[in-house]
Structure formats: structure tokens, C-alpha cells
Amino acid sequence: MSDLGSEELEEERENDLGEYEGERNELGERHGHGKARLPNGDTYEGKYEHGKRHGQGTYKFKNGARYIGEYVKNKKHGQGTFIYPDGSRYEGEWANDLRHGHGVYYYVNNDTYTGEWLAHQRHGQGTYLYAETGSKYVGTWVKGQQEGAAELIHLNHRYQGKFLNKNPVGPGKYVFDIGCEQHGEYRLTDVERGEEEEEEEAQVTVVPRWKATKITELALWTPTLPEKQPPEDGASQEGTPGAGAGGEAAEEAQALADLSEGELDTTRPGEEEGDASRADRAESHEDNLEQ
């Protein structure tokens, strides 16, 4: 990180300390409130203790970035806000110059992440909101990746299941607002990309594919009509979701299920230009700016 120990290194030298205006202790060390301009063009105004940034302060980088928050022995530690040159920012807890604890990251594309951090990465429970689509991932993160039990919420439906390396895996279900659930599982499938050439093999990518197994409906209670008993073989077989269900509600659920299997591919995390990929690129970009 660009401000890591920069002022401390300057103060260890006898010459070229930069400019300082403020309080000192009996040993001549910067102590109390002060303002400093480092030789590299960065500036700091805030609290010092025994020659080091300690307490509340504001550090401004010459590239336009700035940190406003708490310091402990020259390191960002405690509550603080880091604003990057492109306008994105992080507000939350820090430990030893790293995002650590609970915090909110506002990305340059207007996406936001609210949740736990560990050693500068999203880790633990968190919610990522995709500004472009309004969808959000609510669940577990491991070392910056969507991994573990989670819920991917869209405008009129949601997916509940487990994720691994940003992709849904294994059993899960889609819950639709019209009152039905589509159960199934995600299976890894090899997909060839690009044209096959004589000397080069076609590129093969493993992607998750949704396989629906059955549709279940919410039973509607009516006080004037007797409740209809579902047929014994109401559960559909694999590949034919919703078979055996009667009436307009079943047809609507089946139509939605058939349509959703194609439409949901575009909102599935980890697919080409998917939301999670954009989030990772944004995170990597901000970390590079902070270096």
C-alpha cells in the first residue's frame, strides 16, 4: 500500500524529513496534533504519538486518494474511510493497514458490498448488490469468492443453494414470486469455446448447468371450497418439471420454469461477463490503486 510506513521511513532519516508544523514532546518527537508534508508529495494532518501517526487523522495521497480515520503506530487501524482516485470508497474497520472486520465497499460501477472482511478480502457473511440488475448475493464468502450457503435474489425470483468458486453447485431451488418452487441441481458441464484448429485443440470450459427435477406449488386455502387432494404421482420425473399438476396455475408454473431455465443463465454468477466477475475485477482494480 502506498502509505505503508512512508512517513515512518522518512522520519528515520536525519535529512529530508519533509515539512512538519505542530506539537512535539520533550524529546523533539512529533507528538500531539500536527501537519506534515512528505517529500513524495503526500500530506497528513492529525494526531501523533512519539513520532508516529496515532489516533484520528487524514492522509492525502498525491494521486488523489485519501484516508480519513484512525491510526495506531503509523498503520490504519480501527474505523476509517479510504477514498480511491476513481471515487470508489471503503468505509469500515481496519487492522494493520488492511480492511479487516465489518465494512461497506462502494464500487465505481455503483455496486456495493456490505459485510465481513479478513486481511483485505471479503470473507465471512456479506451482501453484494449489483446496481445494474438490482440482484444481490446474500451469503458466505471465502477469500474474496462467493462460497458456501447463499441466496441469489433477483427481481421476481431467487435461488437458494450452495456456491463454490463463484458458481452454484449441487442441489438447490428457485423460488418464484407467483408461488412455486423449482427444485433441481447444478452440474458441471464441459463447453467448447472457439473454432477448432488443426494444431490447437478447442478451448474447453467447465460451467455449471441447471437440471430441474420437479415443481412444487403453494397450496391456496379457500374457506368455501373443499381442498383438492394432489394426485399420488404428482412429483415430476427428471427433465419434465411440473408434470402431473393440473389447472392454470400448474401451466403458468411450467411455462415460467421452462422460460426461466434459459433466462436464468444470464444472471447466474460466474458466467462470462457475470456480476460476480465484474465485482472481482472491480476489487482487483481498487487494490491496485491502493498499492
Protein backbone atom coordinates (compact mmCIF):
# COMPACT_ATOMS: atom_id res chain seq x y z
CA MET A 1 0.00 0.00 0.00
CA SER A 2 1.35 3.37 -0.94
CA ASP A 3 1.20 4.90 2.54
CA LEU A 4 2.52 1.86 4.40
CA GLY A 5 5.30 3.18 6.61
CA SER A 6 6.09 6.01 4.20
CA GLU A 7 6.21 8.69 6.86
CA GLU A 8 7.96 6.42 9.33
CA LEU A 9 10.75 5.76 6.87
CA GLU A 10 11.15 9.46 6.23
CA GLU A 11 11.33 10.23 9.93
CA GLU A 12 14.08 7.66 10.47
CA ARG A 13 16.36 9.66 8.23
CA GLU A 14 18.19 12.64 9.62
CA ASN A 15 17.81 14.57 6.39
CA ASP A 16 14.91 15.14 4.03
CA LEU A 17 12.21 14.74 6.69
CA GLY A 18 9.71 16.84 4.82
CA GLU A 19 7.80 19.71 6.36
CA TYR A 20 6.09 19.49 9.74
CA GLU A 21 4.09 22.01 11.71
CA GLY A 22 2.66 21.01 15.05
CA GLU A 23 3.21 19.81 18.58
CA ARG A 24 6.25 17.93 19.85
CA ASN A 25 7.22 16.27 23.12
CA GLU A 26 10.27 16.97 25.29
CA LEU A 27 12.34 14.64 23.09
CA GLY A 28 11.52 16.65 20.00
CA GLU A 29 9.32 13.92 18.54
CA ARG A 30 6.11 14.71 16.72
CA HIS A 31 3.55 14.33 19.47
CA GLY A 32 0.00 15.68 19.60
CA HIS A 33 -1.69 17.41 16.69
CA GLY A 34 0.32 18.29 13.62
CA LYS A 35 0.52 18.74 9.86
CA ALA A 36 3.13 17.09 7.67
CA ARG A 37 4.07 17.22 4.00
CA LEU A 38 6.16 14.26 2.94
CA PRO A 39 8.90 14.54 0.29
CA ASN A 40 6.84 12.29 -2.02
CA GLY A 41 4.01 14.85 -2.08
CA ASP A 42 1.63 13.10 0.34
CA THR A 43 0.23 15.06 3.28
CA TYR A 44 -1.05 14.12 6.72
CA GLU A 45 -2.93 16.09 9.33
CA GLY A 46 -3.94 14.59 12.63
CA LYS A 47 -2.69 13.04 15.82
CA TYR A 48 0.87 11.88 16.51
CA GLU A 49 2.36 9.91 19.34
CA HIS A 50 6.12 9.56 19.79
CA GLY A 51 6.81 10.46 16.17
CA LYS A 52 4.20 8.20 14.59
CA ARG A 53 0.69 8.71 13.29
CA HIS A 54 -1.51 7.59 16.15
CA GLY A 55 -5.17 8.47 16.62
CA GLN A 56 -7.56 10.27 14.29
CA GLY A 57 -6.07 11.71 11.12
CA THR A 58 -6.39 12.42 7.41
CA TYR A 59 -3.79 11.17 4.94
CA LYS A 60 -3.94 12.56 1.38
CA PHE A 61 -2.05 10.89 -1.44
CA LYS A 62 -0.65 12.88 -4.33
CA ASN A 63 -2.70 10.70 -6.75
CA GLY A 64 -5.96 11.97 -5.21
CA ALA A 65 -6.71 9.09 -2.85
CA ARG A 66 -7.20 9.80 0.84
CA TYR A 67 -7.77 8.02 4.13
CA ILE A 68 -9.80 9.54 6.96
CA GLY A 69 -9.80 7.54 10.15
CA GLU A 70 -7.87 6.02 12.99
CA TYR A 71 -4.18 5.14 13.12
CA VAL A 72 -2.16 3.00 15.50
CA LYS A 73 1.62 3.33 15.26
CA ASN A 74 1.58 4.60 11.66
CA LYS A 75 -0.91 1.98 10.42
CA LYS A 76 -4.57 2.28 9.57
CA HIS A 77 -6.25 0.54 12.48
CA GLY A 78 -9.81 0.95 13.75
CA GLN A 79 -12.61 2.78 11.96
CA GLY A 80 -11.74 4.58 8.75
CA THR A 81 -12.77 5.58 5.24
CA PHE A 82 -10.50 5.13 2.22
CA ILE A 83 -11.48 7.07 -0.91
CA TYR A 84 -9.82 5.99 -4.15
CA PRO A 85 -8.86 8.25 -7.08
CA ASP A 86 -11.77 6.98 -9.20
CA GLY A 87 -14.32 7.82 -6.49
CA SER A 88 -14.93 4.34 -5.10
CA ARG A 89 -14.52 4.01 -1.35
CA TYR A 90 -14.42 1.69 1.64
CA GLU A 91 -16.00 2.57 4.98
CA GLY A 92 -15.41 0.28 7.90
CA GLU A 93 -12.89 -1.45 10.12
CA TRP A 94 -9.14 -1.74 9.55
CA ALA A 95 -6.39 -3.78 11.17
CA ASN A 96 -2.67 -3.36 10.45
CA ASP A 97 -3.30 -1.36 7.26
CA LEU A 98 -5.80 -3.92 5.89
CA ARG A 99 -9.58 -3.99 5.53
CA HIS A 100 -10.49 -6.28 8.40
CA GLY A 101 -13.78 -6.67 10.27
CA HIS A 102 -17.09 -5.22 9.11
CA GLY A 103 -17.25 -2.69 6.31
CA VAL A 104 -19.01 -1.37 3.22
CA TYR A 105 -17.31 -1.04 -0.17
CA TYR A 106 -18.84 1.29 -2.77
CA TYR A 107 -17.51 0.31 -6.19
CA VAL A 108 -17.03 2.63 -9.14
CA ASN A 109 -19.81 0.84 -11.08
CA ASN A 110 -22.22 1.59 -8.17
CA ASP A 111 -22.18 -1.99 -6.88
CA THR A 112 -21.86 -2.31 -3.11
CA TYR A 113 -20.62 -4.97 -0.72
CA THR A 114 -21.69 -4.91 2.93
CA GLY A 115 -20.28 -7.48 5.28
CA GLU A 116 -17.23 -9.06 6.82
CA TRP A 117 -13.61 -8.68 5.70
CA LEU A 118 -10.47 -10.61 6.52
CA ALA A 119 -6.97 -9.48 5.55
CA HIS A 120 -8.22 -7.11 2.81
CA GLN A 121 -10.64 -9.65 1.26
CA ARG A 122 -14.37 -10.28 1.50
CA HIS A 123 -14.58 -13.16 3.95
CA GLY A 124 -17.48 -14.35 6.10
CA GLN A 125 -21.09 -13.23 5.78
CA GLY A 126 -21.82 -10.48 3.30
CA THR A 127 -24.25 -8.99 0.80
CA TYR A 128 -23.20 -7.89 -2.69
CA LEU A 129 -25.70 -5.66 -4.52
CA TYR A 130 -25.43 -5.48 -8.32
CA ALA A 131 -26.52 -1.96 -9.26
CA GLU A 132 -27.14 -2.69 -12.94
CA THR A 133 -29.64 -5.51 -12.40
CA GLY A 134 -30.83 -4.93 -8.83
CA SER A 135 -29.90 -8.51 -7.96
CA LYS A 136 -28.00 -9.32 -4.80
CA TYR A 137 -25.97 -12.17 -3.38
CA VAL A 138 -26.58 -12.80 0.32
CA GLY A 139 -24.40 -15.42 1.92
CA THR A 140 -20.93 -16.71 2.61
CA TRP A 141 -17.61 -15.51 1.19
CA VAL A 142 -14.21 -17.20 1.38
CA LYS A 143 -11.06 -15.24 0.48
CA GLY A 144 -12.94 -12.87 -1.79
CA GLN A 145 -15.02 -15.54 -3.55
CA GLN A 146 -18.69 -16.47 -3.26
CA GLU A 147 -18.53 -19.82 -1.48
CA GLY A 148 -20.88 -21.70 0.84
CA ALA A 149 -24.60 -21.41 1.58
CA ALA A 150 -26.18 -18.36 -0.03
CA GLU A 151 -29.21 -16.83 -1.69
CA LEU A 152 -29.11 -15.05 -5.05
CA ILE A 153 -32.08 -12.69 -5.13
CA HIS A 154 -33.50 -11.30 -8.40
CA LEU A 155 -36.49 -9.10 -9.21
CA ASN A 156 -39.17 -11.80 -9.28
CA HIS A 157 -37.37 -14.94 -8.16
CA ARG A 158 -34.48 -16.13 -6.05
CA TYR A 159 -32.05 -19.04 -5.98
CA GLN A 160 -31.17 -20.82 -2.75
CA GLY A 161 -28.27 -23.25 -2.58
CA LYS A 162 -24.52 -23.54 -2.25
CA PHE A 163 -21.74 -21.81 -4.16
CA LEU A 164 -18.14 -22.75 -4.89
CA ASN A 165 -15.61 -20.51 -6.66
CA LYS A 166 -18.36 -18.00 -7.54
CA ASN A 167 -20.57 -20.70 -9.12
CA PRO A 168 -23.67 -22.51 -7.80
CA VAL A 169 -23.06 -26.21 -7.17
CA GLY A 170 -25.16 -29.19 -6.17
CA PRO A 171 -28.80 -29.25 -5.05
CA GLY A 172 -30.80 -26.05 -4.78
CA LYS A 173 -34.06 -24.43 -5.72
CA TYR A 174 -35.53 -21.40 -7.46
CA VAL A 175 -38.38 -19.70 -5.61
CA PHE A 176 -40.73 -17.66 -7.82
CA ASP A 177 -42.98 -14.87 -6.63
CA ILE A 178 -46.04 -16.44 -8.28
CA GLY A 179 -45.96 -19.09 -5.56
CA CYS A 180 -43.99 -22.04 -6.85
CA GLU A 181 -40.57 -23.57 -6.39
CA GLN A 182 -38.39 -25.29 -8.96
CA HIS A 183 -36.10 -27.89 -7.41
CA GLY A 184 -33.02 -29.32 -9.05
CA GLU A 185 -29.25 -29.20 -9.04
CA TYR A 186 -26.33 -27.58 -10.78
CA ARG A 187 -23.99 -29.95 -12.60
CA LEU A 188 -20.62 -29.11 -14.08
CA THR A 189 -20.62 -29.36 -17.88
CA ASP A 190 -17.79 -29.08 -20.39
CA VAL A 191 -18.43 -26.42 -23.03
CA GLU A 192 -16.22 -25.88 -26.07
CA ARG A 193 -15.42 -22.31 -27.00
CA GLY A 194 -13.87 -21.07 -30.22
CA GLU A 195 -13.21 -22.83 -33.51
CA GLU A 196 -11.08 -25.93 -33.52
CA GLU A 197 -7.83 -25.59 -35.45
CA GLU A 198 -5.58 -28.25 -36.89
CA GLU A 199 -2.72 -27.81 -34.45
CA GLU A 200 -4.65 -26.47 -31.49
CA GLU A 201 -7.41 -28.12 -29.54
CA ALA A 202 -10.66 -26.29 -28.91
CA GLN A 203 -10.78 -24.49 -25.59
CA VAL A 204 -12.94 -26.35 -23.08
CA THR A 205 -14.54 -24.51 -20.18
CA VAL A 206 -16.36 -26.15 -17.29
CA VAL A 207 -19.59 -24.30 -16.47
CA PRO A 208 -22.49 -25.13 -14.13
CA ARG A 209 -25.76 -26.14 -15.81
CA TRP A 210 -29.13 -26.21 -14.07
CA LYS A 211 -31.05 -29.50 -14.16
CA ALA A 212 -34.62 -29.17 -12.93
CA THR A 213 -36.21 -32.19 -11.23
CA LYS A 214 -39.62 -31.05 -10.02
CA ILE A 215 -42.00 -28.15 -9.48
CA THR A 216 -43.87 -27.64 -6.22
CA GLU A 217 -46.73 -25.22 -5.67
CA LEU A 218 -48.02 -23.42 -2.64
CA ALA A 219 -51.48 -24.71 -1.71
CA LEU A 220 -54.10 -21.94 -1.70
CA TRP A 221 -56.58 -22.15 1.18
CA THR A 222 -60.20 -21.21 0.33
CA PRO A 223 -62.90 -21.30 3.06
CA THR A 224 -65.82 -22.03 0.66
CA LEU A 225 -64.32 -24.76 -1.48
CA PRO A 226 -63.09 -28.18 -0.38
CA GLU A 227 -59.36 -28.63 -0.64
CA LYS A 228 -58.36 -30.77 -3.61
CA GLN A 229 -56.09 -33.71 -2.94
CA PRO A 230 -52.97 -33.77 -5.14
CA PRO A 231 -52.53 -36.86 -7.35
CA GLU A 232 -50.35 -39.61 -5.95
CA ASP A 233 -47.85 -39.32 -8.80
CA GLY A 234 -47.78 -35.51 -8.71
CA ALA A 235 -43.99 -35.29 -8.46
CA SER A 236 -42.46 -34.99 -11.90
CA GLN A 237 -39.61 -37.05 -13.24
CA GLU A 238 -36.20 -35.59 -14.02
CA GLY A 239 -36.27 -33.46 -17.15
CA THR A 240 -40.07 -32.95 -17.03
CA PRO A 241 -40.68 -30.39 -14.24
CA GLY A 242 -44.30 -29.82 -13.27
CA ALA A 243 -45.73 -32.94 -14.94
CA GLY A 244 -48.93 -34.16 -13.29
CA ALA A 245 -50.01 -30.77 -11.97
CA GLY A 246 -53.36 -29.57 -13.28
CA GLY A 247 -55.08 -26.25 -13.88
CA GLU A 248 -53.92 -22.82 -14.99
CA ALA A 249 -51.60 -22.42 -12.01
CA ALA A 250 -49.67 -25.53 -13.00
CA GLU A 251 -49.44 -24.40 -16.62
CA GLU A 252 -48.23 -20.99 -15.52
CA ALA A 253 -45.65 -22.55 -13.24
CA GLN A 254 -44.47 -24.90 -16.01
CA ALA A 255 -44.23 -22.07 -18.53
CA LEU A 256 -42.25 -19.99 -16.09
CA ALA A 257 -39.99 -22.92 -15.32
CA ASP A 258 -39.28 -23.57 -19.00
CA LEU A 259 -38.65 -19.90 -19.65
CA SER A 260 -36.56 -19.41 -16.54
CA GLU A 261 -34.13 -22.17 -17.42
CA GLY A 262 -32.96 -20.09 -20.35
CA GLU A 263 -33.29 -16.67 -18.77
CA LEU A 264 -31.61 -17.60 -15.52
CA ASP A 265 -28.41 -18.49 -17.37
CA THR A 266 -27.82 -14.77 -17.95
CA THR A 267 -27.98 -13.95 -14.24
CA ARG A 268 -26.07 -16.95 -12.99
CA PRO A 269 -22.83 -15.97 -11.23
CA GLY A 270 -19.57 -16.91 -12.92
CA GLU A 271 -20.92 -16.83 -16.50
CA GLU A 272 -18.64 -14.84 -18.83
CA GLU A 273 -19.46 -11.17 -18.09
CA GLY A 274 -21.48 -12.08 -14.99
CA ASP A 275 -22.00 -9.87 -11.96
CA ALA A 276 -19.52 -11.75 -9.78
CA SER A 277 -16.78 -11.45 -12.42
CA ARG A 278 -17.34 -7.69 -12.63
CA ALA A 279 -17.14 -7.49 -8.86
CA ASP A 280 -13.81 -9.34 -8.81
CA ARG A 281 -12.38 -7.07 -11.49
CA ALA A 282 -13.52 -4.01 -9.56
CA GLU A 283 -11.98 -5.37 -6.35
CA SER A 284 -8.68 -6.11 -8.11
CA HIS A 285 -8.70 -2.65 -9.69
CA GLU A 286 -9.19 -0.90 -6.34
CA ASP A 287 -6.44 -2.95 -4.69
CA ASN A 288 -4.06 -1.92 -7.48
CA LEU A 289 -4.96 1.73 -6.93
CA GLU A 290 -4.13 1.37 -3.26
CA GLN A 291 -0.68 -0.07 -3.96
